[in-house]
Amino acid sequence: METQAIMWNNLFISYELKSSEQDQDKINKAIQSLGNSTQLHTTCWYVNSPKNATEAASLVGSFFDDDDVLVVANTSTDSATWKISKKSGKSALLKIGKDRFVFPTR
């Protein structure tokens, strides 16, 4: 019987919390549970994980409020997923190319 090799993904996770009442420690622990992780900035992480961007966003995003923003980029597969504000009804990201997005400046 062949064993299937696990593909490890290079994930960059960044988030913005709109409420200071949220437990950032729970979110950071959820990120760390994804695999080998390094905190790059207060709300920006690099994680080497067997999870893909969608799976990681689903796990980490479960701790977020409706108006928070989460972006997970998988540099192993050139893919990304994000959680956008449900309250505003529009994406927190601006499309700047076929597959390129940026956060608007304030």
C-alpha atoms as a PDB file:
ATOM      1  CA  MET A   1       0.000   0.000   0.000  1.00  0.00           C
ATOM      2  CA  GLU A   2       1.364   3.399  -1.006  1.00  0.00           C
ATOM      3  CA  THR A   3       1.370   6.247   1.441  1.00  0.00           C
ATOM      4  CA  GLN A   4       0.522   9.604  -0.006  1.00  0.00           C
ATOM      5  CA  ALA A   5       2.983  12.404   0.714  1.00  0.00           C
ATOM      6  CA  ILE A   6       1.582  15.432   2.471  1.00  0.00           C
ATOM      7  CA  MET A   7       2.120  18.693   0.630  1.00  0.00           C
ATOM      8  CA  TRP A   8       3.287  21.394   3.002  1.00  0.00           C
ATOM      9  CA  ASN A   9       2.132  24.886   2.101  1.00  0.00           C
ATOM     10  CA  ASN A  10       3.838  28.223   2.683  1.00  0.00           C
ATOM     11  CA  LEU A  11       1.069  30.395   4.108  1.00  0.00           C
ATOM     12  CA  PHE A  12       1.168  34.097   4.891  1.00  0.00           C
ATOM     13  CA  ILE A  13      -1.682  35.077   7.192  1.00  0.00           C
ATOM     14  CA  SER A  14      -2.601  38.673   7.893  1.00  0.00           C
ATOM     15  CA  TYR A  15      -5.607  40.046   9.730  1.00  0.00           C
ATOM     16  CA  GLU A  16      -7.205  43.223  11.014  1.00  0.00           C
ATOM     17  CA  LEU A  17      -9.504  43.230  14.030  1.00  0.00           C
ATOM     18  CA  LYS A  18     -12.032  46.052  14.237  1.00  0.00           C
ATOM     19  CA  SER A  19     -12.725  45.502  17.937  1.00  0.00           C
ATOM     20  CA  SER A  20     -10.077  45.651  20.639  1.00  0.00           C
ATOM     21  CA  GLU A  21     -12.301  43.413  22.790  1.00  0.00           C
ATOM     22  CA  GLN A  22     -11.489  40.335  20.742  1.00  0.00           C
ATOM     23  CA  ASP A  23      -9.151  37.745  22.171  1.00  0.00           C
ATOM     24  CA  GLN A  24      -6.107  38.041  19.902  1.00  0.00           C
ATOM     25  CA  ASP A  25      -4.427  35.256  21.885  1.00  0.00           C
ATOM     26  CA  LYS A  26      -7.067  32.734  20.679  1.00  0.00           C
ATOM     27  CA  ILE A  27      -6.525  33.813  17.094  1.00  0.00           C
ATOM     28  CA  ASN A  28      -2.742  33.527  17.400  1.00  0.00           C
ATOM     29  CA  LYS A  29      -3.061  30.055  18.972  1.00  0.00           C
ATOM     30  CA  ALA A  30      -5.305  28.980  16.086  1.00  0.00           C
ATOM     31  CA  ILE A  31      -2.647  30.201  13.632  1.00  0.00           C
ATOM     32  CA  GLN A  32       0.093  28.364  15.538  1.00  0.00           C
ATOM     33  CA  SER A  33      -1.994  25.166  15.457  1.00  0.00           C
ATOM     34  CA  LEU A  34      -1.730  25.130  11.647  1.00  0.00           C
ATOM     35  CA  GLY A  35       1.946  24.123  11.665  1.00  0.00           C
ATOM     36  CA  ASN A  36       5.424  25.569  12.033  1.00  0.00           C
ATOM     37  CA  SER A  37       4.756  29.267  12.508  1.00  0.00           C
ATOM     38  CA  THR A  38       6.630  32.547  12.835  1.00  0.00           C
ATOM     39  CA  GLN A  39       5.010  35.815  13.843  1.00  0.00           C
ATOM     40  CA  LEU A  40       6.328  38.483  11.457  1.00  0.00           C
ATOM     41  CA  HIS A  41       4.359  41.427  12.878  1.00  0.00           C
ATOM     42  CA  THR A  42       1.563  41.803  15.410  1.00  0.00           C
ATOM     43  CA  THR A  43      -1.067  40.500  12.969  1.00  0.00           C
ATOM     44  CA  CYS A  44       1.055  38.922  10.234  1.00  0.00           C
ATOM     45  CA  TRP A  45       2.348  35.340  10.287  1.00  0.00           C
ATOM     46  CA  TYR A  46       4.276  32.878   8.139  1.00  0.00           C
ATOM     47  CA  VAL A  47       3.117  29.263   8.598  1.00  0.00           C
ATOM     48  CA  ASN A  48       4.412  26.059   6.980  1.00  0.00           C
ATOM     49  CA  SER A  49       1.309  23.889   7.090  1.00  0.00           C
ATOM     50  CA  PRO A  50      -0.338  20.831   5.556  1.00  0.00           C
ATOM     51  CA  LYS A  51      -3.508  22.977   5.340  1.00  0.00           C
ATOM     52  CA  ASN A  52      -4.233  25.039   2.240  1.00  0.00           C
ATOM     53  CA  ALA A  53      -5.298  28.705   2.280  1.00  0.00           C
ATOM     54  CA  THR A  54      -9.031  27.931   2.361  1.00  0.00           C
ATOM     55  CA  GLU A  55      -8.701  25.425   5.208  1.00  0.00           C
ATOM     56  CA  ALA A  56      -6.501  27.813   7.204  1.00  0.00           C
ATOM     57  CA  ALA A  57      -8.891  30.741   6.667  1.00  0.00           C
ATOM     58  CA  SER A  58     -11.819  28.607   7.777  1.00  0.00           C
ATOM     59  CA  LEU A  59     -10.092  27.628  11.022  1.00  0.00           C
ATOM     60  CA  VAL A  60      -8.674  31.051  11.894  1.00  0.00           C
ATOM     61  CA  GLY A  61     -11.726  32.956  10.629  1.00  0.00           C
ATOM     62  CA  SER A  62     -13.999  31.110  13.048  1.00  0.00           C
ATOM     63  CA  PHE A  63     -12.695  33.462  15.782  1.00  0.00           C
ATOM     64  CA  PHE A  64     -13.490  36.645  13.851  1.00  0.00           C
ATOM     65  CA  ASP A  65     -16.365  39.101  14.056  1.00  0.00           C
ATOM     66  CA  ASP A  66     -18.346  40.103  10.970  1.00  0.00           C
ATOM     67  CA  ASP A  67     -16.402  43.316  10.373  1.00  0.00           C
ATOM     68  CA  ASP A  68     -12.867  41.864  10.698  1.00  0.00           C
ATOM     69  CA  VAL A  69     -10.576  41.170   7.747  1.00  0.00           C
ATOM     70  CA  LEU A  70      -8.478  38.043   7.150  1.00  0.00           C
ATOM     71  CA  VAL A  71      -6.191  37.252   4.217  1.00  0.00           C
ATOM     72  CA  VAL A  72      -4.386  33.926   3.755  1.00  0.00           C
ATOM     73  CA  ALA A  73      -1.948  33.648   0.845  1.00  0.00           C
ATOM     74  CA  ASN A  74      -0.445  30.303  -0.143  1.00  0.00           C
ATOM     75  CA  THR A  75       2.828  31.002  -1.920  1.00  0.00           C
ATOM     76  CA  SER A  76       3.280  27.295  -2.684  1.00  0.00           C
ATOM     77  CA  THR A  77       0.312  27.319  -5.055  1.00  0.00           C
ATOM     78  CA  ASP A  78      -0.021  31.047  -5.850  1.00  0.00           C
ATOM     79  CA  SER A  79      -3.499  31.098  -4.337  1.00  0.00           C
ATOM     80  CA  ALA A  80      -5.216  33.159  -1.684  1.00  0.00           C
ATOM     81  CA  THR A  81      -8.465  33.450   0.195  1.00  0.00           C
ATOM     82  CA  TRP A  82      -9.892  36.115   2.431  1.00  0.00           C
ATOM     83  CA  LYS A  83     -12.719  36.922   4.779  1.00  0.00           C
ATOM     84  CA  ILE A  84     -14.351  40.253   4.091  1.00  0.00           C
ATOM     85  CA  SER A  85     -16.660  42.515   6.024  1.00  0.00           C
ATOM     86  CA  LYS A  86     -20.237  41.220   5.995  1.00  0.00           C
ATOM     87  CA  LYS A  87     -21.515  44.504   7.434  1.00  0.00           C
ATOM     88  CA  SER A  88     -20.273  46.693   4.607  1.00  0.00           C
ATOM     89  CA  GLY A  89     -21.506  44.323   1.919  1.00  0.00           C
ATOM     90  CA  LYS A  90     -18.380  44.898  -0.155  1.00  0.00           C
ATOM     91  CA  SER A  91     -14.880  43.532  -0.316  1.00  0.00           C
ATOM     92  CA  ALA A  92     -12.193  45.082   1.839  1.00  0.00           C
ATOM     93  CA  LEU A  93      -9.793  44.399  -1.041  1.00  0.00           C
ATOM     94  CA  LEU A  94      -9.413  46.261  -4.300  1.00  0.00           C
ATOM     95  CA  LYS A  95      -8.681  44.313  -7.480  1.00  0.00           C
ATOM     96  CA  ILE A  96      -5.640  45.749  -9.278  1.00  0.00           C
ATOM     97  CA  GLY A  97      -5.011  43.037 -11.851  1.00  0.00           C
ATOM     98  CA  LYS A  98      -6.224  39.665 -13.056  1.00  0.00           C
ATOM     99  CA  ASP A  99      -5.317  37.933  -9.799  1.00  0.00           C
ATOM    100  CA  ARG A 100      -3.912  40.825  -7.751  1.00  0.00           C
ATOM    101  CA  PHE A 101      -5.621  42.581  -4.870  1.00  0.00           C
ATOM    102  CA  VAL A 102      -4.599  45.267  -2.365  1.00  0.00           C
ATOM    103  CA  PHE A 103      -6.125  46.840   0.712  1.00  0.00           C
ATOM    104  CA  PRO A 104      -7.364  50.373   0.036  1.00  0.00           C
ATOM    105  CA  THR A 105      -5.418  53.158   1.724  1.00  0.00           C
ATOM    106  CA  ARG A 106      -7.183  55.026   4.474  1.00  0.00           C
END
